Amino acid sequence: MTSTLSGAFRASFKAIVIAFALAVMAGAVGYFMAGGNALLAVVFAGLGLALLVVLFGLVALQIENTELLARIADALEAQGGRPARMVELAEAPVEPAPRMRSVAKAEEPALRAPAAPRKPQGPQGRVEPVVTMRRSAG
């Protein structure tokens, strides 16, 4: 989404939500006026509004998450560090699996030295940001 489209959507977000809420309520009233059950019309209105809250709540959460990820990326670039890698390369090549031996040639397995313990590493892969409920000052 471009910044212009994102700004326009953010500015008209409340109006869009109110318009959809009025459409849901008008649909429930229209159902009742067409001869539908009043209780069923109230249930339709409640379910429609709940679905509307979930839908636009997810959109608002996605917008906040995108802004937060952009701030994190800007902060990392400002620190001058190298870009984070998604997968760290193995330190040593992996040994191939032992070949199958016939039962007649059963031998005792050769004793090997125990493997050295791995060094503790930081988190690997994608780290999800913490989502706050505060409004951003910017």
Protein backbone atom coordinates (compact mmCIF):
# COMPACT_ATOMS: atom_id res chain seq x y z
CA MET A 1 0.00 0.00 0.00
CA THR A 2 1.42 3.39 -0.91
CA SER A 3 1.85 6.06 1.73
CA THR A 4 -0.78 8.27 0.06
CA LEU A 5 -3.36 5.49 0.02
CA SER A 6 -2.45 4.51 3.57
CA GLY A 7 -2.86 8.11 4.76
CA ALA A 8 -6.23 8.43 3.02
CA PHE A 9 -7.43 5.15 4.51
CA ARG A 10 -6.24 6.14 7.99
CA ALA A 11 -7.99 9.53 7.73
CA SER A 12 -11.31 8.03 6.60
CA PHE A 13 -11.17 4.88 8.76
CA LYS A 14 -13.83 6.02 11.25
CA ALA A 15 -16.19 7.13 8.49
CA ILE A 16 -15.83 3.79 6.71
CA VAL A 17 -16.54 1.85 9.93
CA ILE A 18 -19.61 4.00 10.69
CA ALA A 19 -20.90 3.55 7.12
CA PHE A 20 -20.56 -0.24 7.35
CA ALA A 21 -22.23 -0.26 10.79
CA LEU A 22 -25.17 1.74 9.43
CA ALA A 23 -25.42 -0.66 6.48
CA VAL A 24 -25.57 -3.64 8.86
CA MET A 25 -28.26 -1.95 10.96
CA ALA A 26 -30.23 -0.97 7.84
CA GLY A 27 -30.05 -4.57 6.64
CA ALA A 28 -31.43 -5.84 9.95
CA VAL A 29 -34.24 -3.26 9.92
CA GLY A 30 -34.99 -4.10 6.28
CA TYR A 31 -35.23 -7.79 7.18
CA PHE A 32 -37.68 -6.97 9.99
CA MET A 33 -39.76 -4.64 7.79
CA ALA A 34 -39.99 -7.32 5.08
CA GLY A 35 -41.78 -9.57 7.54
CA GLY A 36 -38.88 -11.26 9.31
CA ASN A 37 -38.79 -12.25 12.95
CA ALA A 38 -37.77 -9.39 15.30
CA LEU A 39 -35.50 -11.60 17.41
CA LEU A 40 -33.77 -12.90 14.31
CA ALA A 41 -33.29 -9.33 13.05
CA VAL A 42 -31.62 -8.39 16.35
CA VAL A 43 -29.38 -11.48 16.13
CA PHE A 44 -28.42 -10.57 12.54
CA ALA A 45 -27.60 -7.02 13.63
CA GLY A 46 -25.50 -8.24 16.56
CA LEU A 47 -23.60 -10.78 14.49
CA GLY A 48 -23.06 -8.25 11.71
CA LEU A 49 -21.66 -5.67 14.12
CA ALA A 50 -19.44 -8.28 15.80
CA LEU A 51 -18.09 -9.34 12.41
CA LEU A 52 -17.53 -5.69 11.55
CA VAL A 53 -15.56 -5.12 14.77
CA VAL A 54 -13.39 -8.17 14.09
CA LEU A 55 -12.76 -7.24 10.46
CA PHE A 56 -11.81 -3.62 11.05
CA GLY A 57 -9.95 -4.53 14.24
CA LEU A 58 -7.70 -6.80 12.20
CA VAL A 59 -7.15 -4.02 9.67
CA ALA A 60 -6.25 -1.55 12.43
CA LEU A 61 -3.90 -4.09 14.00
CA GLN A 62 -2.18 -4.65 10.65
CA ILE A 63 -1.69 -0.90 10.19
CA GLU A 64 -0.21 -0.56 13.69
CA ASN A 65 2.01 -3.60 13.15
CA THR A 66 3.33 -2.19 9.86
CA GLU A 67 4.15 1.14 11.52
CA LEU A 68 5.90 -0.64 14.39
CA LEU A 69 7.97 -2.78 12.02
CA ALA A 70 8.96 0.34 10.07
CA ARG A 71 10.11 2.04 13.30
CA ILE A 72 12.11 -1.04 14.30
CA ALA A 73 13.76 -1.19 10.87
CA ASP A 74 14.62 2.52 11.03
CA ALA A 75 16.13 2.08 14.49
CA LEU A 76 18.23 -0.88 13.35
CA GLU A 77 19.48 1.02 10.31
CA ALA A 78 20.32 4.03 12.49
CA GLN A 79 22.51 1.80 14.70
CA GLY A 80 24.57 0.88 11.65
CA GLY A 81 24.53 -2.87 12.28
CA ARG A 82 24.57 -5.47 9.57
CA PRO A 83 21.20 -6.74 8.38
CA ALA A 84 19.79 -9.64 10.37
CA ARG A 85 19.94 -13.07 8.73
CA MET A 86 16.93 -15.32 8.77
CA VAL A 87 18.91 -18.58 9.07
CA GLU A 88 22.37 -18.94 10.53
CA LEU A 89 24.78 -21.18 8.64
CA ALA A 90 26.03 -24.31 10.37
CA GLU A 91 29.48 -23.98 11.93
CA ALA A 92 30.67 -27.39 10.75
CA PRO A 93 29.49 -29.62 7.92
CA VAL A 94 27.06 -32.36 8.88
CA GLU A 95 28.46 -35.90 8.91
CA PRO A 96 26.75 -38.33 6.53
CA ALA A 97 24.54 -41.01 8.03
CA PRO A 98 26.26 -44.36 8.70
CA ARG A 99 25.80 -46.96 5.97
CA MET A 100 23.78 -50.08 6.63
CA ARG A 101 25.83 -53.18 7.39
CA SER A 102 24.76 -56.74 6.97
CA VAL A 103 23.95 -58.81 10.04
CA ALA A 104 26.84 -61.19 9.33
CA LYS A 105 29.39 -58.39 9.63
CA ALA A 106 28.09 -57.04 12.89
CA GLU A 107 30.79 -55.05 14.56
CA GLU A 108 30.92 -53.04 17.69
CA PRO A 109 30.41 -49.39 16.94
CA ALA A 110 33.59 -47.37 17.11
CA LEU A 111 33.73 -45.15 20.14
CA ARG A 112 33.91 -41.49 19.32
CA ALA A 113 34.72 -38.54 21.49
CA PRO A 114 31.61 -36.78 22.78
CA ALA A 115 30.58 -33.77 20.77
CA ALA A 116 31.54 -30.37 22.12
CA PRO A 117 28.61 -28.47 23.60
CA ARG A 118 27.20 -25.75 21.38
CA LYS A 119 27.67 -22.12 22.24
CA PRO A 120 24.50 -20.37 23.36
CA GLN A 121 23.09 -18.24 20.57
CA GLY A 122 20.56 -15.45 20.43
CA PRO A 123 17.10 -15.91 19.01
CA GLN A 124 17.04 -17.20 15.47
CA GLY A 125 14.47 -16.61 12.80
CA ARG A 126 11.80 -13.95 12.85
CA VAL A 127 11.12 -12.19 16.13
CA GLU A 128 7.61 -10.79 16.37
CA PRO A 129 7.29 -7.27 17.80
CA VAL A 130 5.26 -6.51 20.89
CA VAL A 131 2.00 -4.76 20.03
CA THR A 132 0.99 -2.00 22.41
CA MET A 133 -2.40 -0.41 22.83
CA ARG A 134 -0.97 3.12 23.21
CA ARG A 135 -1.37 5.63 20.43
CA SER A 136 1.88 6.66 18.85
CA ALA A 137 2.91 10.29 19.28
CA GLY A 138 4.17 10.56 15.70
